[in-house]
Amino acid sequence: MGESIVIATWPFGETAVRAALAELARQRSVLEAAVAGAQAVEDDPTVNSVGYGGLPNALGIVQLDACVMEGTTLNCGSVAGLENVRHAAAVALRVMQRTPHVMLVGEGARQFAQGEGFRLENLLSPAALAEWQRRKAAIASEPGNSRRRRAARKEELSHDTVAVLAGDRRGKLAGACSTSGLALKMPGRVGDSPLIGAGLYVDDAAGAAAGTGVGEEIIRIGGSLLAVEEMRSGRTPQAACEAVIARVIAAAKRRGVPPARVALIALDPAGRVGAACTGDTDFPYAVGRKDRIELFTATPV
C-alpha cells in the first residue's frame, strides 16, 4: 500500500479520519484506528445519527447499533439495540475480543458493556429531543397521504451512519460502523450497520467495504460482502461500489418501488478507494493519507 489510508462516510467523516490517522501515527492497529474514528463521531453531539445526540426511535429512546471487523483473521463483533452506552463501536470491539460470539443485542449488550466498565448515561441530548419532537409534530400535522406528509416521512427516515475503513502500509485492513439508526424507527428495528456482510465486511485478501443509508436495502443484497467479492474477482473499489449500488437499484425495481437512499465506500489492500450512491443521494465522504484529508462526492449510479 505504501502509506496508511482511512476513508469514512459523510462530512463528519473528516472527524473520523483525523482521529483514525492519529492512532495510526501512534503505531496503533488498523482496527484500533477505525474504532477511534467511529468513537470521535459518537462523541460529537452535533451529529444526530450517531452516538450521543443521535435521534431516538418512535418512543423517544436512543438505540445504537455498531460493528467492527479486521481483515487478517476475519474476527468481528457487533452490538444492536444498545441503550445508555455511547461508544457502541468500542463495545462491539469488546464483544469480538472477550466473547466467543459475534453479536450481542438489547439488554444483553447493555449488561455486557456495563460489566466491561462502560459508563451508563442518558444519550438523548436536548437538541436531539427537540428535533425528535419537531419531526413527530410535522408528521402528525399533515393529513392522509399528502405530499407534505410524504416529505415529512422521508425526513423521518433520514439516516447517516459513520463507517470507517482503515488500511496500513502493509495492506492490513479493518473497519468500524456506528449509528443510532433511522430517526423515529420502530423500537427494536435493526438496520445494516451491525450486520457483518451487510453494513461492513473486511478481508485483507480482497478489500473492505461499508454501507450507509437505508439499511434494509443493503441487507437485502448483502451489500458490503458483495462489494468485497467484486474486488476479489478483480474489480477496482470504485467499480465494486458502482456494481453494488446497481444491484440495490435492481432489487428495488423487482419490488416495484423507487430505490432508497443508499451509499457505499470501499478500500482495497493496494490503497485504492471507491464510493458510489443511488442517484438521488448527495453523498460526501472523507479520505485521509498522512497529513492530508480531503472531502469528495460519490459517483451517483
C-alpha atoms as a PDB file:
ATOM      1  CA  MET A   1       0.000   0.000   0.000  1.00  0.00           C
ATOM      2  CA  GLY A   2       2.899   2.368   0.684  1.00  0.00           C
ATOM      3  CA  GLU A   3       1.131   4.612   3.192  1.00  0.00           C
ATOM      4  CA  SER A   4      -1.700   4.429   5.690  1.00  0.00           C
ATOM      5  CA  ILE A   5      -5.135   5.470   4.471  1.00  0.00           C
ATOM      6  CA  VAL A   6      -8.545   5.988   6.044  1.00  0.00           C
ATOM      7  CA  ILE A   7     -11.898   6.534   4.324  1.00  0.00           C
ATOM      8  CA  ALA A   8     -15.102   7.463   6.165  1.00  0.00           C
ATOM      9  CA  THR A   9     -18.698   8.356   5.324  1.00  0.00           C
ATOM     10  CA  TRP A  10     -20.326  11.808   5.221  1.00  0.00           C
ATOM     11  CA  PRO A  11     -18.854  15.230   6.044  1.00  0.00           C
ATOM     12  CA  PHE A  12     -18.341  14.184   9.677  1.00  0.00           C
ATOM     13  CA  GLY A  13     -16.107  11.507   8.204  1.00  0.00           C
ATOM     14  CA  GLU A  14     -13.379  14.149   8.352  1.00  0.00           C
ATOM     15  CA  THR A  15     -13.582  13.943  12.155  1.00  0.00           C
ATOM     16  CA  ALA A  16     -13.369  10.154  11.980  1.00  0.00           C
ATOM     17  CA  VAL A  17     -10.470  10.166   9.518  1.00  0.00           C
ATOM     18  CA  ARG A  18      -8.477  12.645  11.591  1.00  0.00           C
ATOM     19  CA  ALA A  19      -8.871  10.567  14.754  1.00  0.00           C
ATOM     20  CA  ALA A  20      -8.035   7.318  12.965  1.00  0.00           C
ATOM     21  CA  LEU A  21      -4.931   8.727  11.294  1.00  0.00           C
ATOM     22  CA  ALA A  22      -3.702   9.987  14.661  1.00  0.00           C
ATOM     23  CA  GLU A  23      -3.973   6.457  16.057  1.00  0.00           C
ATOM     24  CA  LEU A  24      -2.107   5.007  13.077  1.00  0.00           C
ATOM     25  CA  ALA A  25       0.634   7.599  13.611  1.00  0.00           C
ATOM     26  CA  ARG A  26       0.970   6.251  17.167  1.00  0.00           C
ATOM     27  CA  GLN A  27       1.534   2.756  15.707  1.00  0.00           C
ATOM     28  CA  ARG A  28      -1.877   1.520  16.800  1.00  0.00           C
ATOM     29  CA  SER A  29      -3.502  -1.273  14.796  1.00  0.00           C
ATOM     30  CA  VAL A  30      -5.827  -0.533  11.890  1.00  0.00           C
ATOM     31  CA  LEU A  31      -8.731  -1.911  13.932  1.00  0.00           C
ATOM     32  CA  GLU A  32      -7.963   0.359  16.878  1.00  0.00           C
ATOM     33  CA  ALA A  33      -7.696   3.265  14.448  1.00  0.00           C
ATOM     34  CA  ALA A  34     -11.059   2.523  12.843  1.00  0.00           C
ATOM     35  CA  VAL A  35     -12.761   2.270  16.234  1.00  0.00           C
ATOM     36  CA  ALA A  36     -11.155   5.540  17.347  1.00  0.00           C
ATOM     37  CA  GLY A  37     -12.501   7.198  14.226  1.00  0.00           C
ATOM     38  CA  ALA A  38     -16.027   6.000  14.895  1.00  0.00           C
ATOM     39  CA  GLN A  39     -15.757   6.989  18.549  1.00  0.00           C
ATOM     40  CA  ALA A  40     -14.794  10.557  17.671  1.00  0.00           C
ATOM     41  CA  VAL A  41     -18.127  10.909  15.866  1.00  0.00           C
ATOM     42  CA  GLU A  42     -20.040   9.098  18.627  1.00  0.00           C
ATOM     43  CA  ASP A  43     -18.775  11.833  20.971  1.00  0.00           C
ATOM     44  CA  ASP A  44     -19.951  14.696  18.748  1.00  0.00           C
ATOM     45  CA  PRO A  45     -23.417  15.857  19.916  1.00  0.00           C
ATOM     46  CA  THR A  46     -23.955  17.812  16.678  1.00  0.00           C
ATOM     47  CA  VAL A  47     -24.154  14.557  14.676  1.00  0.00           C
ATOM     48  CA  ASN A  48     -27.754  13.430  15.108  1.00  0.00           C
ATOM     49  CA  SER A  49     -27.363   9.950  13.630  1.00  0.00           C
ATOM     50  CA  VAL A  50     -24.501   8.526  15.709  1.00  0.00           C
ATOM     51  CA  GLY A  51     -23.803   8.050  19.423  1.00  0.00           C
ATOM     52  CA  TYR A  52     -24.625  10.809  21.902  1.00  0.00           C
ATOM     53  CA  GLY A  53     -27.042  13.205  20.244  1.00  0.00           C
ATOM     54  CA  GLY A  54     -28.391  10.558  17.877  1.00  0.00           C
ATOM     55  CA  LEU A  55     -32.094  10.856  17.138  1.00  0.00           C
ATOM     56  CA  PRO A  56     -34.248   8.401  19.108  1.00  0.00           C
ATOM     57  CA  ASN A  57     -36.756   5.814  17.983  1.00  0.00           C
ATOM     58  CA  ALA A  58     -40.528   6.355  17.827  1.00  0.00           C
ATOM     59  CA  LEU A  59     -40.779   6.101  21.624  1.00  0.00           C
ATOM     60  CA  GLY A  60     -38.025   8.652  22.225  1.00  0.00           C
ATOM     61  CA  ILE A  61     -35.342   6.082  23.168  1.00  0.00           C
ATOM     62  CA  VAL A  62     -31.861   6.197  21.630  1.00  0.00           C
ATOM     63  CA  GLN A  63     -30.826   2.715  20.483  1.00  0.00           C
ATOM     64  CA  LEU A  64     -27.372   2.246  18.956  1.00  0.00           C
ATOM     65  CA  ASP A  65     -26.012  -0.322  16.511  1.00  0.00           C
ATOM     66  CA  ALA A  66     -22.346  -0.925  15.677  1.00  0.00           C
ATOM     67  CA  CYS A  67     -19.866  -3.480  14.387  1.00  0.00           C
ATOM     68  CA  VAL A  68     -16.140  -3.928  13.840  1.00  0.00           C
ATOM     69  CA  MET A  69     -14.098  -6.291  11.689  1.00  0.00           C
ATOM     70  CA  GLU A  70     -10.425  -6.851  10.941  1.00  0.00           C
ATOM     71  CA  GLY A  71      -9.254  -8.366   7.711  1.00  0.00           C
ATOM     72  CA  THR A  72      -6.374 -10.654   8.688  1.00  0.00           C
ATOM     73  CA  THR A  73      -8.309 -13.190  10.749  1.00  0.00           C
ATOM     74  CA  LEU A  74     -11.862 -12.095   9.839  1.00  0.00           C
ATOM     75  CA  ASN A  75     -12.516 -11.557  13.542  1.00  0.00           C
ATOM     76  CA  CYS A  76     -15.553  -9.365  14.120  1.00  0.00           C
ATOM     77  CA  GLY A  77     -18.004  -8.191  16.766  1.00  0.00           C
ATOM     78  CA  SER A  78     -21.235  -6.234  16.905  1.00  0.00           C
ATOM     79  CA  VAL A  79     -24.000  -4.848  19.082  1.00  0.00           C
ATOM     80  CA  ALA A  80     -27.576  -3.903  18.231  1.00  0.00           C
ATOM     81  CA  GLY A  81     -30.295  -2.061  20.124  1.00  0.00           C
ATOM     82  CA  LEU A  82     -27.731  -0.883  22.676  1.00  0.00           C
ATOM     83  CA  GLU A  83     -29.071   1.712  25.127  1.00  0.00           C
ATOM     84  CA  ASN A  84     -27.315   4.119  27.509  1.00  0.00           C
ATOM     85  CA  VAL A  85     -23.757   3.480  26.218  1.00  0.00           C
ATOM     86  CA  ARG A  86     -22.453   5.995  23.673  1.00  0.00           C
ATOM     87  CA  HIS A  87     -19.315   4.163  22.473  1.00  0.00           C
ATOM     88  CA  ALA A  88     -21.094   1.370  20.644  1.00  0.00           C
ATOM     89  CA  ALA A  89     -18.158   0.595  18.327  1.00  0.00           C
ATOM     90  CA  ALA A  90     -15.860   0.061  21.308  1.00  0.00           C
ATOM     91  CA  VAL A  91     -18.439  -2.268  22.863  1.00  0.00           C
ATOM     92  CA  ALA A  92     -18.548  -4.212  19.578  1.00  0.00           C
ATOM     93  CA  LEU A  93     -14.755  -4.489  19.761  1.00  0.00           C
ATOM     94  CA  ARG A  94     -15.023  -5.949  23.267  1.00  0.00           C
ATOM     95  CA  VAL A  95     -17.602  -8.456  22.024  1.00  0.00           C
ATOM     96  CA  MET A  96     -15.015  -9.556  19.464  1.00  0.00           C
ATOM     97  CA  GLN A  97     -12.176  -9.658  21.966  1.00  0.00           C
ATOM     98  CA  ARG A  98     -13.844 -11.014  25.099  1.00  0.00           C
ATOM     99  CA  THR A  99     -16.609 -13.368  23.960  1.00  0.00           C
ATOM    100  CA  PRO A 100     -16.963 -16.373  21.642  1.00  0.00           C
ATOM    101  CA  HIS A 101     -19.843 -14.564  19.896  1.00  0.00           C
ATOM    102  CA  VAL A 102     -20.179 -12.084  17.065  1.00  0.00           C
ATOM    103  CA  MET A 103     -23.300 -10.157  18.143  1.00  0.00           C
ATOM    104  CA  LEU A 104     -24.982  -9.122  21.382  1.00  0.00           C
ATOM    105  CA  VAL A 105     -28.296  -7.262  21.375  1.00  0.00           C
ATOM    106  CA  GLY A 106     -30.559  -5.197  23.589  1.00  0.00           C
ATOM    107  CA  GLU A 107     -30.370  -5.625  27.330  1.00  0.00           C
ATOM    108  CA  GLY A 108     -27.727  -8.317  26.994  1.00  0.00           C
ATOM    109  CA  ALA A 109     -25.472  -5.909  25.116  1.00  0.00           C
ATOM    110  CA  ARG A 110     -26.039  -3.204  27.731  1.00  0.00           C
ATOM    111  CA  GLN A 111     -25.257  -5.552  30.606  1.00  0.00           C
ATOM    112  CA  PHE A 112     -22.126  -6.772  28.853  1.00  0.00           C
ATOM    113  CA  ALA A 113     -20.961  -3.200  28.282  1.00  0.00           C
ATOM    114  CA  GLN A 114     -21.578  -2.291  31.892  1.00  0.00           C
ATOM    115  CA  GLY A 115     -19.642  -5.362  33.009  1.00  0.00           C
ATOM    116  CA  GLU A 116     -16.757  -4.244  30.799  1.00  0.00           C
ATOM    117  CA  GLY A 117     -16.632  -0.896  32.555  1.00  0.00           C
ATOM    118  CA  PHE A 118     -18.514   1.280  30.102  1.00  0.00           C
ATOM    119  CA  ARG A 119     -20.346   4.158  31.774  1.00  0.00           C
ATOM    120  CA  LEU A 120     -24.132   4.273  31.524  1.00  0.00           C
ATOM    121  CA  GLU A 121     -25.600   7.638  30.588  1.00  0.00           C
ATOM    122  CA  ASN A 122     -28.592   9.331  29.022  1.00  0.00           C
ATOM    123  CA  LEU A 123     -27.860   9.547  25.292  1.00  0.00           C
ATOM    124  CA  LEU A 124     -30.808  11.802  24.431  1.00  0.00           C
ATOM    125  CA  SER A 125     -29.332  15.287  24.083  1.00  0.00           C
ATOM    126  CA  PRO A 126     -31.591  18.345  24.400  1.00  0.00           C
ATOM    127  CA  ALA A 127     -31.057  19.130  20.708  1.00  0.00           C
ATOM    128  CA  ALA A 128     -31.961  15.581  19.642  1.00  0.00           C
ATOM    129  CA  LEU A 129     -35.102  15.645  21.801  1.00  0.00           C
ATOM    130  CA  ALA A 130     -36.193  18.945  20.260  1.00  0.00           C
ATOM    131  CA  GLU A 131     -35.608  17.617  16.732  1.00  0.00           C
ATOM    132  CA  TRP A 132     -37.488  14.401  17.538  1.00  0.00           C
ATOM    133  CA  GLN A 133     -40.449  16.440  18.790  1.00  0.00           C
ATOM    134  CA  ARG A 134     -40.360  18.631  15.683  1.00  0.00           C
ATOM    135  CA  ARG A 135     -40.383  15.662  13.307  1.00  0.00           C
ATOM    136  CA  LYS A 136     -43.174  13.904  15.198  1.00  0.00           C
ATOM    137  CA  ALA A 137     -45.261  17.064  15.066  1.00  0.00           C
ATOM    138  CA  ALA A 138     -44.547  17.593  11.348  1.00  0.00           C
ATOM    139  CA  ILE A 139     -45.825  14.120  10.510  1.00  0.00           C
ATOM    140  CA  ALA A 140     -48.884  14.382  12.762  1.00  0.00           C
ATOM    141  CA  SER A 141     -49.888  17.770  11.325  1.00  0.00           C
ATOM    142  CA  GLU A 142     -50.156  16.584   7.717  1.00  0.00           C
ATOM    143  CA  PRO A 143     -53.328  14.699   6.763  1.00  0.00           C
ATOM    144  CA  GLY A 144     -53.620  11.399   4.928  1.00  0.00           C
ATOM    145  CA  ASN A 145     -51.109  10.763   2.160  1.00  0.00           C
ATOM    146  CA  SER A 146     -50.448  14.385   1.229  1.00  0.00           C
ATOM    147  CA  ARG A 147     -47.233  15.425  -0.491  1.00  0.00           C
ATOM    148  CA  ARG A 148     -46.102  17.314   2.609  1.00  0.00           C
ATOM    149  CA  ARG A 149     -46.798  14.287   4.822  1.00  0.00           C
ATOM    150  CA  ARG A 150     -44.755  12.093   2.485  1.00  0.00           C
ATOM    151  CA  ALA A 151     -41.948  14.645   2.628  1.00  0.00           C
ATOM    152  CA  ALA A 152     -42.126  14.629   6.431  1.00  0.00           C
ATOM    153  CA  ARG A 153     -41.939  10.844   6.476  1.00  0.00           C
ATOM    154  CA  LYS A 154     -38.961  10.922   4.090  1.00  0.00           C
ATOM    155  CA  GLU A 155     -37.189  13.193   6.550  1.00  0.00           C
ATOM    156  CA  GLU A 156     -38.232  10.821   9.332  1.00  0.00           C
ATOM    157  CA  LEU A 157     -36.260   8.067   7.603  1.00  0.00           C
ATOM    158  CA  SER A 158     -33.132  10.149   7.011  1.00  0.00           C
ATOM    159  CA  HIS A 159     -30.048   8.346   8.205  1.00  0.00           C
ATOM    160  CA  ASP A 160     -26.280   8.824   8.164  1.00  0.00           C
ATOM    161  CA  THR A 161     -24.044   6.063   9.538  1.00  0.00           C
ATOM    162  CA  VAL A 162     -20.410   6.670  10.365  1.00  0.00           C
ATOM    163  CA  ALA A 163     -18.460   3.943   8.619  1.00  0.00           C
ATOM    164  CA  VAL A 164     -14.658   3.956   8.830  1.00  0.00           C
ATOM    165  CA  LEU A 165     -12.283   1.817   6.752  1.00  0.00           C
ATOM    166  CA  ALA A 166      -8.570   1.884   7.564  1.00  0.00           C
ATOM    167  CA  GLY A 167      -5.514   0.368   5.898  1.00  0.00           C
ATOM    168  CA  ASP A 168      -1.849   0.438   6.875  1.00  0.00           C
ATOM    169  CA  ARG A 169       1.339   0.337   4.836  1.00  0.00           C
ATOM    170  CA  ARG A 170       1.425  -3.466   4.970  1.00  0.00           C
ATOM    171  CA  GLY A 171      -2.003  -3.777   3.381  1.00  0.00           C
ATOM    172  CA  LYS A 172      -3.782  -4.762   6.591  1.00  0.00           C
ATOM    173  CA  LEU A 173      -7.406  -3.609   6.646  1.00  0.00           C
ATOM    174  CA  ALA A 174     -10.088  -3.042   9.285  1.00  0.00           C
ATOM    175  CA  GLY A 175     -13.388  -1.263   9.666  1.00  0.00           C
ATOM    176  CA  ALA A 176     -15.963   0.032  12.120  1.00  0.00           C
ATOM    177  CA  CYS A 177     -19.567   1.214  11.778  1.00  0.00           C
ATOM    178  CA  SER A 178     -21.692   3.045  14.339  1.00  0.00           C
ATOM    179  CA  THR A 179     -25.178   4.540  14.175  1.00  0.00           C
ATOM    180  CA  SER A 180     -28.333   5.447  16.069  1.00  0.00           C
ATOM    181  CA  GLY A 181     -30.310   4.052  13.147  1.00  0.00           C
ATOM    182  CA  LEU A 182     -33.215   5.537  11.245  1.00  0.00           C
ATOM    183  CA  ALA A 183     -34.721   8.506  13.036  1.00  0.00           C
ATOM    184  CA  LEU A 184     -38.074   7.648  14.666  1.00  0.00           C
ATOM    185  CA  LYS A 185     -37.607   3.968  13.804  1.00  0.00           C
ATOM    186  CA  MET A 186     -39.784   1.261  15.316  1.00  0.00           C
ATOM    187  CA  PRO A 187     -38.390   0.185  18.707  1.00  0.00           C
ATOM    188  CA  GLY A 188     -36.081  -2.777  18.168  1.00  0.00           C
ATOM    189  CA  ARG A 189     -35.519  -2.067  14.484  1.00  0.00           C
ATOM    190  CA  VAL A 190     -32.022  -3.084  13.352  1.00  0.00           C
ATOM    191  CA  GLY A 191     -30.513  -1.942  10.075  1.00  0.00           C
ATOM    192  CA  ASP A 192     -27.393  -2.996   8.216  1.00  0.00           C
ATOM    193  CA  SER A 193     -24.784  -1.261  10.391  1.00  0.00           C
ATOM    194  CA  PRO A 194     -24.255  -4.045  12.966  1.00  0.00           C
ATOM    195  CA  LEU A 195     -24.581  -6.879  10.439  1.00  0.00           C
ATOM    196  CA  ILE A 196     -21.319  -8.353   9.193  1.00  0.00           C
ATOM    197  CA  GLY A 197     -21.584  -8.734   5.431  1.00  0.00           C
ATOM    198  CA  ALA A 198     -24.290  -6.097   5.120  1.00  0.00           C
ATOM    199  CA  GLY A 199     -23.087  -2.859   6.716  1.00  0.00           C
ATOM    200  CA  LEU A 200     -19.423  -3.891   6.889  1.00  0.00           C
ATOM    201  CA  TYR A 201     -17.085  -6.558   5.588  1.00  0.00           C
ATOM    202  CA  VAL A 202     -13.277  -6.662   5.626  1.00  0.00           C
ATOM    203  CA  ASP A 203     -10.829  -9.192   4.183  1.00  0.00           C
ATOM    204  CA  ASP A 204      -7.120  -8.418   3.695  1.00  0.00           C
ATOM    205  CA  ALA A 205      -7.099 -10.760   0.710  1.00  0.00           C
ATOM    206  CA  ALA A 206      -9.645  -8.699  -1.220  1.00  0.00           C
ATOM    207  CA  GLY A 207     -10.715  -5.412   0.360  1.00  0.00           C
ATOM    208  CA  ALA A 208     -13.063  -3.654   2.753  1.00  0.00           C
ATOM    209  CA  ALA A 209     -16.472  -2.091   2.221  1.00  0.00           C
ATOM    210  CA  ALA A 210     -19.156  -0.379   4.283  1.00  0.00           C
ATOM    211  CA  GLY A 211     -22.613   0.976   3.633  1.00  0.00           C
ATOM    212  CA  THR A 212     -24.773   3.868   4.767  1.00  0.00           C
ATOM    213  CA  GLY A 213     -28.320   4.975   4.104  1.00  0.00           C
ATOM    214  CA  VAL A 214     -31.494   2.907   4.397  1.00  0.00           C
ATOM    215  CA  GLY A 215     -30.094  -0.321   5.789  1.00  0.00           C
ATOM    216  CA  GLU A 216     -32.931  -2.570   4.700  1.00  0.00           C
ATOM    217  CA  GLU A 217     -31.826  -2.110   1.089  1.00  0.00           C
ATOM    218  CA  ILE A 218     -28.227  -3.018   1.904  1.00  0.00           C
ATOM    219  CA  ILE A 219     -29.285  -6.069   3.923  1.00  0.00           C
ATOM    220  CA  ARG A 220     -31.346  -7.417   1.025  1.00  0.00           C
ATOM    221  CA  ILE A 221     -28.299  -7.802  -1.201  1.00  0.00           C
ATOM    222  CA  GLY A 222     -25.537  -8.367   1.378  1.00  0.00           C
ATOM    223  CA  GLY A 223     -24.020  -5.119   0.162  1.00  0.00           C
ATOM    224  CA  SER A 224     -20.610  -4.937   1.826  1.00  0.00           C
ATOM    225  CA  LEU A 225     -19.733  -8.584   1.331  1.00  0.00           C
ATOM    226  CA  LEU A 226     -20.864  -8.299  -2.279  1.00  0.00           C
ATOM    227  CA  ALA A 227     -18.527  -5.334  -2.794  1.00  0.00           C
ATOM    228  CA  VAL A 228     -15.603  -7.240  -1.300  1.00  0.00           C
ATOM    229  CA  GLU A 229     -16.317 -10.224  -3.531  1.00  0.00           C
ATOM    230  CA  GLU A 230     -16.411  -7.903  -6.534  1.00  0.00           C
ATOM    231  CA  MET A 231     -12.923  -6.691  -5.567  1.00  0.00           C
ATOM    232  CA  ARG A 232     -11.803 -10.288  -5.062  1.00  0.00           C
ATOM    233  CA  SER A 233     -12.846 -11.014  -8.634  1.00  0.00           C
ATOM    234  CA  GLY A 234     -10.610  -8.189  -9.885  1.00  0.00           C
ATOM    235  CA  ARG A 235     -12.774  -5.076  -9.898  1.00  0.00           C
ATOM    236  CA  THR A 236     -11.453  -1.811  -8.539  1.00  0.00           C
ATOM    237  CA  PRO A 237     -13.070  -0.435  -5.361  1.00  0.00           C
ATOM    238  CA  GLN A 238     -14.876   2.162  -7.486  1.00  0.00           C
ATOM    239  CA  ALA A 239     -16.268  -0.421  -9.886  1.00  0.00           C
ATOM    240  CA  ALA A 240     -17.247  -2.655  -6.963  1.00  0.00           C
ATOM    241  CA  CYS A 241     -19.204   0.148  -5.290  1.00  0.00           C
ATOM    242  CA  GLU A 242     -20.996   1.008  -8.522  1.00  0.00           C
ATOM    243  CA  ALA A 243     -21.902  -2.648  -9.072  1.00  0.00           C
ATOM    244  CA  VAL A 244     -23.417  -2.920  -5.588  1.00  0.00           C
ATOM    245  CA  ILE A 245     -25.458   0.264  -5.976  1.00  0.00           C
ATOM    246  CA  ALA A 246     -26.702  -1.033  -9.332  1.00  0.00           C
ATOM    247  CA  ARG A 247     -27.793  -4.203  -7.519  1.00  0.00           C
ATOM    248  CA  VAL A 248     -29.657  -2.096  -4.919  1.00  0.00           C
ATOM    249  CA  ILE A 249     -31.491  -0.292  -7.708  1.00  0.00           C
ATOM    250  CA  ALA A 250     -32.314  -3.563  -9.483  1.00  0.00           C
ATOM    251  CA  ALA A 251     -33.637  -5.080  -6.255  1.00  0.00           C
ATOM    252  CA  ALA A 252     -35.923  -2.081  -5.733  1.00  0.00           C
ATOM    253  CA  LYS A 253     -37.280  -2.430  -9.269  1.00  0.00           C
ATOM    254  CA  ARG A 254     -38.096  -6.085  -8.602  1.00  0.00           C
ATOM    255  CA  ARG A 255     -40.301  -4.934  -5.702  1.00  0.00           C
ATOM    256  CA  GLY A 256     -41.837  -2.134  -7.741  1.00  0.00           C
ATOM    257  CA  VAL A 257     -40.562   0.678  -5.509  1.00  0.00           C
ATOM    258  CA  PRO A 258     -38.160   3.590  -6.055  1.00  0.00           C
ATOM    259  CA  PRO A 259     -34.587   2.967  -4.882  1.00  0.00           C
ATOM    260  CA  ALA A 260     -33.924   4.139  -1.333  1.00  0.00           C
ATOM    261  CA  ARG A 261     -31.059   6.468  -0.442  1.00  0.00           C
ATOM    262  CA  VAL A 262     -28.015   4.203  -0.183  1.00  0.00           C
ATOM    263  CA  ALA A 263     -24.249   4.747  -0.468  1.00  0.00           C
ATOM    264  CA  LEU A 264     -21.156   2.569  -0.243  1.00  0.00           C
ATOM    265  CA  ILE A 265     -17.429   3.088   0.345  1.00  0.00           C
ATOM    266  CA  ALA A 266     -14.624   0.623  -0.372  1.00  0.00           C
ATOM    267  CA  LEU A 267     -10.869   0.250   0.133  1.00  0.00           C
ATOM    268  CA  ASP A 268      -8.544  -2.402  -1.279  1.00  0.00           C
ATOM    269  CA  PRO A 269      -5.158  -3.674   0.020  1.00  0.00           C
ATOM    270  CA  ALA A 270      -3.339  -1.519  -2.535  1.00  0.00           C
ATOM    271  CA  GLY A 271      -4.821   1.639  -1.013  1.00  0.00           C
ATOM    272  CA  ARG A 272      -7.292   2.377  -3.796  1.00  0.00           C
ATOM    273  CA  VAL A 273     -10.680   3.735  -2.718  1.00  0.00           C
ATOM    274  CA  GLY A 274     -14.148   3.889  -4.202  1.00  0.00           C
ATOM    275  CA  ALA A 275     -17.569   5.294  -3.405  1.00  0.00           C
ATOM    276  CA  ALA A 276     -20.962   5.288  -5.088  1.00  0.00           C
ATOM    277  CA  CYS A 277     -24.566   6.114  -4.245  1.00  0.00           C
ATOM    278  CA  THR A 278     -28.084   5.969  -5.581  1.00  0.00           C
ATOM    279  CA  GLY A 279     -28.860   8.810  -7.956  1.00  0.00           C
ATOM    280  CA  ASP A 280     -30.935  10.929  -5.556  1.00  0.00           C
ATOM    281  CA  THR A 281     -28.311  10.821  -2.804  1.00  0.00           C
ATOM    282  CA  ASP A 282     -25.746  13.572  -2.250  1.00  0.00           C
ATOM    283  CA  PHE A 283     -23.008  11.548  -0.578  1.00  0.00           C
ATOM    284  CA  PRO A 284     -19.820  13.265   0.600  1.00  0.00           C
ATOM    285  CA  TYR A 285     -17.057  11.114   2.070  1.00  0.00           C
ATOM    286  CA  ALA A 286     -13.615  11.787   3.527  1.00  0.00           C
ATOM    287  CA  VAL A 287     -10.267  10.252   2.580  1.00  0.00           C
ATOM    288  CA  GLY A 288      -7.100  10.758   4.612  1.00  0.00           C
ATOM    289  CA  ARG A 289      -3.468   9.931   3.897  1.00  0.00           C
ATOM    290  CA  LYS A 290      -0.730  11.086   6.296  1.00  0.00           C
ATOM    291  CA  ASP A 291      -1.462  14.768   6.992  1.00  0.00           C
ATOM    292  CA  ARG A 292      -3.826  15.235   4.045  1.00  0.00           C
ATOM    293  CA  ILE A 293      -7.604  14.871   4.496  1.00  0.00           C
ATOM    294  CA  GLU A 294      -9.903  15.544   1.548  1.00  0.00           C
ATOM    295  CA  LEU A 295     -13.672  15.529   1.131  1.00  0.00           C
ATOM    296  CA  PHE A 296     -15.092  14.019  -2.068  1.00  0.00           C
ATOM    297  CA  THR A 297     -18.558  13.473  -3.520  1.00  0.00           C
ATOM    298  CA  ALA A 298     -19.518   9.949  -4.518  1.00  0.00           C
ATOM    299  CA  THR A 299     -20.447   8.873  -8.018  1.00  0.00           C
ATOM    300  CA  PRO A 300     -24.238   8.517  -8.441  1.00  0.00           C
ATOM    301  CA  VAL A 301     -25.499   5.393 -10.207  1.00  0.00           C
END
